[in-house]
Structures are given as C-alpha cells and as structure tokens.
Amino acid sequence: MNDPRPPRLLVTLPPRAPVDQAIGRQLPDLPWVYAERSSPQEWGSVEALLTGTIERELGSYDRHSTPHLRFVQRIFTGLDGFPFGWFDESVRVAGNIGAYAPFVAEHAVALALAAARDLRGAHEKVRAGRLRPPPEQRLFFGRTAVILGYGEIGRAIAARLAGFGMRVLGVNRGGRMTPGVAGMYPADAIAEALAQADFIFEARPLTRATRGSLNAELLAAMRPNAVFVNVGRGATVDEEALFHHLKEHPEFRAALDVWWDEDFAGGRLGTGFPFAELPNFLGTPHTAGLGPGVEPHILAKALENLDRFFRGEEPQYVTDPHEYGP
C-alpha cells in the first residue's frame, strides 16, 4: 500500500485485510489505492475502479478527478440503481456476474424445499407436540421447474435441481437453447413456460424490461399450486399482485429472499403488504449471497475481470447502461 507509483486502480471498498490480500495475490504488480485513504488529487492516473455501493463509499464524485478512467468493476452482481450518470459514456461498467451464483443457487433450492415441504408448518406442529396430520408437502421428483433468467445463477440453480430428478425449463431473452435445460423459451413466451411449472425460480436482473413484469396476468398463468421463489430482484414482481395472488390462492406458495424496499445502510427491509402473516409465504432477509468463504470468492471473480482489463483484454459482462433506469 506504500507504492510510490501513481495508482492505476482506485478501490472504493472499505479498507480491510481480505481486500489487501486478494489484490496482492491477483494484481501483485499493479499500483492501487483506497479512496478512503487517499484524496481526489491523487487519482489523476486511475484507469479503473473496484467498487461496491459507490454512492455510500465515495459520497460525492467529480469525474474530472479521474480523467483517465476507462473501466468500473462492481463487486456485486446487479447494476440496478448504479449511478451511470457519474461517468462519461466511454467508461465501461461491469457487474460481478456469476460470482454469487453457487451461493444464491444453494439458497434458492433451500427456499424451494422449505416452501414445498412446508417446513414452517411442520415446525409449528412439533412446537405443539402434534404428529398428525402431516403438513401438505410437494415433491421435487418428477416435477417441472421454470427458471426465469438463465444466466450464471439460473444455470447454477438448474445444475442443482437436476440432482432431484426434475425437468427444468428456462426463459431467456431470445429463447436460444442452452445446456442444462430440457427446453428454452424467449421472454415474449414467458406465460407459456409458466403454465407448465410446478416450481418457478426468478433470477432475472432488474432492468427497464423486467421491472414489474411478473404482474397479475402472469401470476394467473401459473398453476394454482405452484411454488414461486425469488432470488433475483424484488421489483421484477408486482408486489400488490403477488400479495393478492397468495391470499386468493391458498395452495400457491411463495418464498422470497429479495424485497421491494431494502435499506442496507439502515439494516431494514420493508413491504407494502403483510406478507409474513400469510401461511403460504416464507421469507429470508436478502441473505442468499452471505456465508463463510463468500467474500474471497467474489473478490477473486471481480479481480479476474480487472486483470483482463489491465492486460489489455476485453473485460467480461460489460453492461449497456440504457437497459437500466427508473
């Protein structure tokens, strides 16, 4: 960290040992600096940023302080809400696509199993000392799952579901067939795919196209006793429509890890409707990507892409800012 050379990488993440160690391993010869331990006057040579929630980490930013900036690598996957307007249009921005896939997929399957087996109801029977009647259980074996958003997380979910003997279908933008599924549907045929599903896994990013797209009409296209799991983004689903669908279809079950109102700085999540009071609902507080060993893995993935950039190669997962917006 005492490198006298002008920094080429600016790290806006809070200073901590795991970050130091990861950069030392993967970019050992690269001069870099933490934003928190430097001043904008030192950033004139910076070519790339490694960032998390940049608004919270930098507070304010003047693009003139980094005139040579060409690439921004986010440590998180999603780019909804990212302040693209802070940067010149020539600056490319990439999410950490696939870094969280094994952890989120594991959590998605856990949510689906907990909802399908009604573990919440089963636990209450144990609390009450009741052996029978058993809770109504759904099985994975021989059933059909539809994965919305067949990217890295979708593929990881499909790989895990295959071990349960499930038939897996996917939905992606164009319907191009991809290994790991029995069939693929384009986004404009999503209702046809949903009609076949015993289990639906939402893993799409939040973009202009997906925001609120799972509305009352598409919920009605699902089977009345389907299990819906969301590990993508809360706002891809119409919140009010999902709440009323759960109330009106008691056999339908939903399990969510992502929410419409998430205040990470304050540690608070909010809903406009009392989902947690419904017996056919299960929720976790956006914890799919948390656990031992996660941070080194996601840092390594982000730094791999930065290494590509600094070696003069095309970085992966560069996004189109026009896909995102209010």
Protein backbone atom coordinates (compact mmCIF):
# COMPACT_ATOMS: atom_id res chain seq x y z
CA MET A 1 0.00 0.00 0.00
CA ASN A 2 3.03 2.28 0.16
CA ASP A 3 3.68 2.02 -3.56
CA PRO A 4 5.22 5.32 -4.70
CA ARG A 5 3.93 4.88 -8.25
CA PRO A 6 0.76 6.70 -9.35
CA PRO A 7 -2.25 4.43 -8.80
CA ARG A 8 -3.91 2.75 -11.78
CA LEU A 9 -6.73 1.22 -9.69
CA LEU A 10 -8.94 3.07 -7.20
CA VAL A 11 -10.69 0.85 -4.65
CA THR A 12 -13.77 2.43 -3.09
CA LEU A 13 -14.49 -0.59 -0.86
CA PRO A 14 -13.84 -0.02 2.85
CA PRO A 15 -10.19 -0.83 3.67
CA ARG A 16 -9.78 -4.28 5.14
CA ALA A 17 -7.31 -7.15 5.10
CA PRO A 18 -9.21 -9.52 2.76
CA VAL A 19 -9.22 -6.85 0.04
CA ASP A 20 -5.50 -6.16 0.52
CA GLN A 21 -4.71 -9.86 0.34
CA ALA A 22 -6.85 -10.52 -2.73
CA ILE A 23 -5.33 -7.66 -4.72
CA GLY A 24 -1.85 -8.69 -3.62
CA ARG A 25 -2.46 -12.21 -4.93
CA GLN A 26 -4.14 -11.38 -8.24
CA LEU A 27 -2.71 -7.98 -9.19
CA PRO A 28 0.67 -8.07 -7.42
CA ASP A 29 2.41 -5.59 -9.70
CA LEU A 30 -0.41 -3.08 -10.03
CA PRO A 31 -0.22 0.24 -8.15
CA TRP A 32 -3.54 0.91 -6.43
CA VAL A 33 -5.04 2.95 -3.63
CA TYR A 34 -8.12 3.02 -1.40
CA ALA A 35 -10.39 6.01 -1.93
CA GLU A 36 -10.79 6.32 1.83
CA ARG A 37 -7.02 6.60 2.35
CA SER A 38 -6.30 9.00 -0.48
CA SER A 39 -7.56 12.26 -1.92
CA PRO A 40 -9.02 13.08 -5.35
CA GLN A 41 -5.81 14.96 -6.13
CA GLU A 42 -4.05 11.56 -6.23
CA TRP A 43 -6.48 9.93 -8.69
CA GLY A 44 -5.36 11.53 -11.92
CA SER A 45 -3.66 8.34 -13.13
CA VAL A 46 -6.53 5.98 -12.21
CA GLU A 47 -7.75 3.79 -15.09
CA ALA A 48 -10.23 1.54 -13.26
CA LEU A 49 -12.41 1.40 -10.16
CA LEU A 50 -13.25 -1.56 -7.91
CA THR A 51 -16.44 -0.59 -6.15
CA GLY A 52 -19.38 -1.89 -4.16
CA THR A 53 -22.07 0.65 -3.34
CA ILE A 54 -20.21 3.59 -4.78
CA GLU A 55 -22.61 6.29 -3.59
CA ARG A 56 -22.12 5.22 0.02
CA GLU A 57 -18.39 4.64 -0.36
CA LEU A 58 -17.49 7.87 -2.15
CA GLY A 59 -20.32 10.14 -1.10
CA SER A 60 -19.54 12.55 -3.90
CA TYR A 61 -17.51 12.20 -7.04
CA ASP A 62 -16.13 14.57 -9.64
CA ARG A 63 -15.37 12.79 -12.89
CA HIS A 64 -12.62 15.33 -13.57
CA SER A 65 -10.61 13.78 -10.72
CA THR A 66 -10.17 10.60 -12.83
CA PRO A 67 -9.59 11.84 -16.40
CA HIS A 68 -8.06 8.50 -17.48
CA LEU A 69 -10.83 6.29 -16.07
CA ARG A 70 -11.98 3.67 -18.60
CA PHE A 71 -13.49 0.81 -16.59
CA VAL A 72 -15.57 0.27 -13.44
CA GLN A 73 -15.88 -3.19 -11.88
CA ARG A 74 -18.60 -3.63 -9.29
CA ILE A 75 -18.16 -6.32 -6.65
CA PHE A 76 -21.91 -7.01 -6.64
CA THR A 77 -23.83 -8.63 -9.48
CA GLY A 78 -26.71 -6.26 -10.09
CA LEU A 79 -26.43 -2.81 -11.62
CA ASP A 80 -29.95 -1.56 -10.98
CA GLY A 81 -29.64 1.81 -9.29
CA PHE A 82 -25.99 2.19 -10.26
CA PRO A 83 -25.12 5.88 -10.91
CA PHE A 84 -24.09 5.53 -14.54
CA GLY A 85 -24.52 9.31 -14.90
CA TRP A 86 -21.46 9.89 -12.73
CA PHE A 87 -19.22 8.71 -15.55
CA ASP A 88 -18.52 9.59 -19.16
CA GLU A 89 -20.26 7.38 -21.70
CA SER A 90 -16.87 5.98 -22.73
CA VAL A 91 -16.39 4.39 -19.29
CA ARG A 92 -17.44 0.75 -19.34
CA VAL A 93 -19.16 -0.76 -16.29
CA ALA A 94 -19.35 -4.45 -15.37
CA GLY A 95 -21.25 -6.30 -12.67
CA ASN A 96 -19.65 -9.25 -10.90
CA ILE A 97 -21.69 -11.71 -12.93
CA GLY A 98 -21.57 -15.28 -11.69
CA ALA A 99 -19.59 -14.52 -8.56
CA TYR A 100 -22.54 -15.21 -6.27
CA ALA A 101 -24.08 -17.97 -8.39
CA PRO A 102 -23.16 -21.02 -6.26
CA PHE A 103 -24.34 -19.37 -3.05
CA VAL A 104 -27.56 -17.88 -4.43
CA ALA A 105 -28.43 -21.15 -6.18
CA GLU A 106 -27.97 -23.07 -2.94
CA HIS A 107 -30.26 -20.64 -1.13
CA ALA A 108 -32.84 -20.77 -3.93
CA VAL A 109 -33.08 -24.53 -3.62
CA ALA A 110 -33.27 -24.26 0.18
CA LEU A 111 -36.18 -21.82 -0.11
CA ALA A 112 -37.96 -24.01 -2.63
CA LEU A 113 -37.58 -27.10 -0.44
CA ALA A 114 -38.69 -25.25 2.70
CA ALA A 115 -41.79 -23.92 0.95
CA ALA A 116 -42.59 -27.18 -0.83
CA ARG A 117 -42.21 -29.27 2.31
CA ASP A 118 -43.92 -26.59 4.43
CA LEU A 119 -41.14 -26.65 6.99
CA ARG A 120 -42.64 -23.67 8.76
CA GLY A 121 -45.92 -25.50 9.28
CA ALA A 122 -44.11 -28.70 10.24
CA HIS A 123 -42.09 -26.85 12.88
CA GLU A 124 -45.27 -25.43 14.40
CA LYS A 125 -46.68 -28.95 14.70
CA VAL A 126 -43.55 -30.04 16.52
CA ARG A 127 -43.82 -26.99 18.78
CA ALA A 128 -47.40 -28.03 19.58
CA GLY A 129 -46.44 -31.69 20.10
CA ARG A 130 -48.60 -32.87 17.19
CA LEU A 131 -47.54 -35.78 14.98
CA ARG A 132 -50.50 -35.82 12.62
CA PRO A 133 -51.99 -34.73 10.33
CA PRO A 134 -48.76 -34.01 8.44
CA PRO A 135 -48.36 -30.72 6.57
CA GLU A 136 -49.21 -30.82 2.87
CA GLN A 137 -45.91 -31.48 1.11
CA ARG A 138 -44.84 -31.01 -2.51
CA LEU A 139 -42.09 -33.05 -4.09
CA PHE A 140 -39.26 -32.11 -6.45
CA PHE A 141 -39.00 -35.56 -8.02
CA GLY A 142 -40.70 -35.76 -11.40
CA ARG A 143 -41.86 -32.15 -11.29
CA THR A 144 -41.15 -29.27 -13.69
CA ALA A 145 -39.19 -26.18 -12.74
CA VAL A 146 -39.02 -23.00 -14.83
CA ILE A 147 -36.06 -20.68 -14.32
CA LEU A 148 -36.61 -17.06 -15.33
CA GLY A 149 -33.29 -15.53 -16.31
CA TYR A 150 -30.99 -18.29 -17.46
CA GLY A 151 -27.67 -16.62 -16.71
CA GLU A 152 -24.98 -17.75 -14.29
CA ILE A 153 -27.36 -18.03 -11.33
CA GLY A 154 -30.01 -19.73 -13.46
CA ARG A 155 -27.51 -22.30 -14.69
CA ALA A 156 -26.32 -22.95 -11.13
CA ILE A 157 -29.92 -23.50 -9.99
CA ALA A 158 -30.57 -25.87 -12.90
CA ALA A 159 -27.48 -27.92 -12.08
CA ARG A 160 -28.69 -28.42 -8.52
CA LEU A 161 -32.26 -29.23 -9.50
CA ALA A 162 -31.09 -31.93 -11.90
CA GLY A 163 -29.97 -33.99 -8.94
CA PHE A 164 -33.55 -34.11 -7.68
CA GLY A 165 -34.88 -35.66 -10.88
CA MET A 166 -36.67 -32.51 -12.02
CA ARG A 167 -37.46 -31.43 -15.56
CA VAL A 168 -36.00 -27.95 -15.97
CA LEU A 169 -37.12 -25.31 -18.47
CA GLY A 170 -35.61 -21.87 -18.91
CA VAL A 171 -36.60 -18.42 -20.10
CA ASN A 172 -34.04 -16.07 -21.63
CA ARG A 173 -34.31 -13.08 -23.92
CA GLY A 174 -34.26 -14.77 -27.27
CA GLY A 175 -35.09 -18.37 -26.45
CA ARG A 176 -31.71 -19.68 -27.56
CA MET A 177 -31.25 -23.23 -26.31
CA THR A 178 -28.59 -23.64 -23.63
CA PRO A 179 -27.18 -26.77 -21.98
CA GLY A 180 -28.76 -27.74 -18.67
CA VAL A 181 -32.42 -27.41 -19.59
CA ALA A 182 -34.96 -29.57 -21.41
CA GLY A 183 -36.31 -26.53 -23.23
CA MET A 184 -35.87 -22.77 -23.51
CA TYR A 185 -38.48 -20.08 -24.10
CA PRO A 186 -38.00 -16.49 -25.25
CA ALA A 187 -39.08 -13.67 -22.97
CA ASP A 188 -42.19 -12.99 -25.04
CA ALA A 189 -43.39 -16.58 -24.43
CA ILE A 190 -42.97 -16.45 -20.66
CA ALA A 191 -46.65 -17.22 -20.00
CA GLU A 192 -46.38 -20.46 -21.97
CA ALA A 193 -43.42 -21.53 -19.87
CA LEU A 194 -45.03 -20.54 -16.56
CA ALA A 195 -48.13 -22.60 -17.31
CA GLN A 196 -46.00 -25.77 -17.19
CA ALA A 197 -44.22 -25.02 -13.92
CA ASP A 198 -44.63 -26.69 -10.57
CA PHE A 199 -41.76 -24.50 -9.35
CA ILE A 200 -40.75 -21.07 -10.66
CA PHE A 201 -37.37 -19.55 -9.88
CA GLU A 202 -36.99 -15.82 -10.57
CA ALA A 203 -33.32 -14.98 -11.21
CA ARG A 204 -33.53 -12.08 -13.67
CA PRO A 205 -31.77 -8.75 -13.19
CA LEU A 206 -33.83 -5.63 -12.60
CA THR A 207 -33.87 -3.68 -15.86
CA ARG A 208 -36.31 -1.46 -17.70
CA ALA A 209 -37.70 -4.57 -19.37
CA THR A 210 -38.10 -6.72 -16.24
CA ARG A 211 -39.31 -4.14 -13.72
CA GLY A 212 -42.80 -5.17 -12.58
CA SER A 213 -43.05 -7.69 -15.39
CA LEU A 214 -44.33 -10.51 -13.19
CA ASN A 215 -47.76 -8.94 -12.86
CA ALA A 216 -51.25 -10.21 -12.06
CA GLU A 217 -51.67 -11.59 -15.56
CA LEU A 218 -48.53 -13.72 -15.39
CA LEU A 219 -49.25 -14.85 -11.84
CA ALA A 220 -52.62 -16.04 -13.10
CA ALA A 221 -50.81 -18.03 -15.80
CA MET A 222 -49.04 -20.06 -13.10
CA ARG A 223 -50.53 -23.24 -11.73
CA PRO A 224 -52.72 -22.59 -8.65
CA ASN A 225 -50.49 -24.81 -6.51
CA ALA A 226 -47.12 -23.70 -7.90
CA VAL A 227 -44.18 -22.70 -5.70
CA PHE A 228 -42.59 -19.35 -6.60
CA VAL A 229 -39.06 -18.48 -5.44
CA ASN A 230 -37.42 -15.09 -6.00
CA VAL A 231 -33.67 -14.70 -5.59
CA GLY A 232 -33.30 -12.08 -8.34
CA ARG A 233 -34.74 -8.68 -7.54
CA GLY A 234 -37.92 -7.83 -5.66
CA ALA A 235 -39.08 -5.20 -8.10
CA THR A 236 -39.33 -7.60 -11.06
CA VAL A 237 -42.55 -8.67 -9.34
CA ASP A 238 -45.67 -6.56 -8.85
CA GLU A 239 -45.79 -6.51 -5.04
CA GLU A 240 -49.52 -5.91 -4.67
CA ALA A 241 -50.37 -8.50 -7.31
CA LEU A 242 -48.27 -11.16 -5.59
CA PHE A 243 -49.81 -10.46 -2.18
CA HIS A 244 -53.36 -10.71 -3.51
CA HIS A 245 -52.49 -13.83 -5.50
CA LEU A 246 -51.22 -15.51 -2.35
CA LYS A 247 -54.35 -14.55 -0.45
CA GLU A 248 -56.70 -15.68 -3.20
CA HIS A 249 -54.82 -18.93 -3.95
CA PRO A 250 -54.01 -20.57 -0.59
CA GLU A 251 -52.40 -23.54 -2.35
CA PHE A 252 -49.92 -21.24 -4.10
CA ARG A 253 -46.67 -20.76 -2.19
CA ALA A 254 -44.00 -18.08 -2.42
CA ALA A 255 -40.53 -17.82 -0.90
CA LEU A 256 -38.53 -14.61 -1.29
CA ASP A 257 -35.01 -13.52 -0.44
CA VAL A 258 -35.28 -10.14 -2.19
CA TRP A 259 -37.53 -7.20 -1.41
CA TRP A 260 -39.03 -4.06 -2.84
CA ASP A 261 -37.65 -1.82 -0.10
CA GLU A 262 -34.14 -2.70 1.05
CA ASP A 263 -32.17 -0.25 3.17
CA PHE A 264 -28.80 -1.92 3.58
CA ALA A 265 -27.26 1.09 5.32
CA GLY A 266 -30.01 1.06 7.93
CA GLY A 267 -30.36 -2.72 8.03
CA ARG A 268 -34.07 -2.52 7.27
CA LEU A 269 -36.38 -4.17 4.77
CA GLY A 270 -39.90 -3.04 4.09
CA THR A 271 -43.03 -4.35 2.38
CA GLY A 272 -46.21 -2.58 1.43
CA PHE A 273 -48.27 -5.62 2.44
CA PRO A 274 -48.11 -8.05 5.41
CA PHE A 275 -46.58 -10.99 3.54
CA ALA A 276 -45.09 -12.54 6.69
CA GLU A 277 -48.58 -13.04 8.12
CA LEU A 278 -49.61 -15.34 5.27
CA PRO A 279 -49.34 -19.10 5.91
CA ASN A 280 -48.28 -19.78 2.31
CA PHE A 281 -45.36 -17.38 2.40
CA LEU A 282 -41.73 -17.71 3.50
CA GLY A 283 -39.05 -15.03 3.52
CA THR A 284 -35.37 -14.51 4.23
CA PRO A 285 -33.70 -11.07 4.56
CA HIS A 286 -31.58 -10.98 1.37
CA THR A 287 -29.04 -13.44 2.73
CA ALA A 288 -28.55 -15.77 -0.25
CA GLY A 289 -25.11 -14.37 -1.00
CA LEU A 290 -23.79 -14.41 2.56
CA GLY A 291 -21.74 -17.04 4.35
CA PRO A 292 -18.22 -18.23 5.16
CA GLY A 293 -15.90 -18.10 2.18
CA VAL A 294 -18.12 -15.86 0.06
CA GLU A 295 -16.02 -12.70 0.24
CA PRO A 296 -12.74 -14.25 -1.03
CA HIS A 297 -14.66 -15.87 -3.88
CA ILE A 298 -16.41 -12.72 -5.07
CA LEU A 299 -13.25 -10.62 -4.71
CA ALA A 300 -11.36 -13.15 -6.82
CA LYS A 301 -14.02 -13.04 -9.54
CA ALA A 302 -14.06 -9.23 -9.66
CA LEU A 303 -10.26 -9.07 -9.75
CA GLU A 304 -10.13 -11.63 -12.57
CA ASN A 305 -12.10 -9.21 -14.71
CA LEU A 306 -9.91 -6.29 -13.67
CA ASP A 307 -6.87 -8.36 -14.58
CA ARG A 308 -8.33 -8.86 -18.05
CA PHE A 309 -8.74 -5.11 -18.39
CA PHE A 310 -5.22 -4.27 -17.24
CA ARG A 311 -3.77 -6.93 -19.57
CA GLY A 312 -5.44 -5.16 -22.49
CA GLU A 313 -8.14 -7.80 -22.99
CA GLU A 314 -11.86 -7.13 -23.25
CA PRO A 315 -13.43 -7.36 -19.77
CA GLN A 316 -16.44 -9.61 -19.38
CA TYR A 317 -20.01 -8.65 -18.54
CA VAL A 318 -19.81 -5.01 -19.62
CA THR A 319 -23.36 -3.73 -19.44
CA ASP A 320 -25.46 -1.40 -21.56
CA PRO A 321 -26.45 1.48 -19.25
CA HIS A 322 -29.57 2.10 -21.35
CA GLU A 323 -31.07 -1.14 -20.04
CA TYR A 324 -31.25 0.34 -16.57
CA GLY A 325 -33.23 3.25 -15.28
CA PRO A 326 -36.13 4.31 -13.09
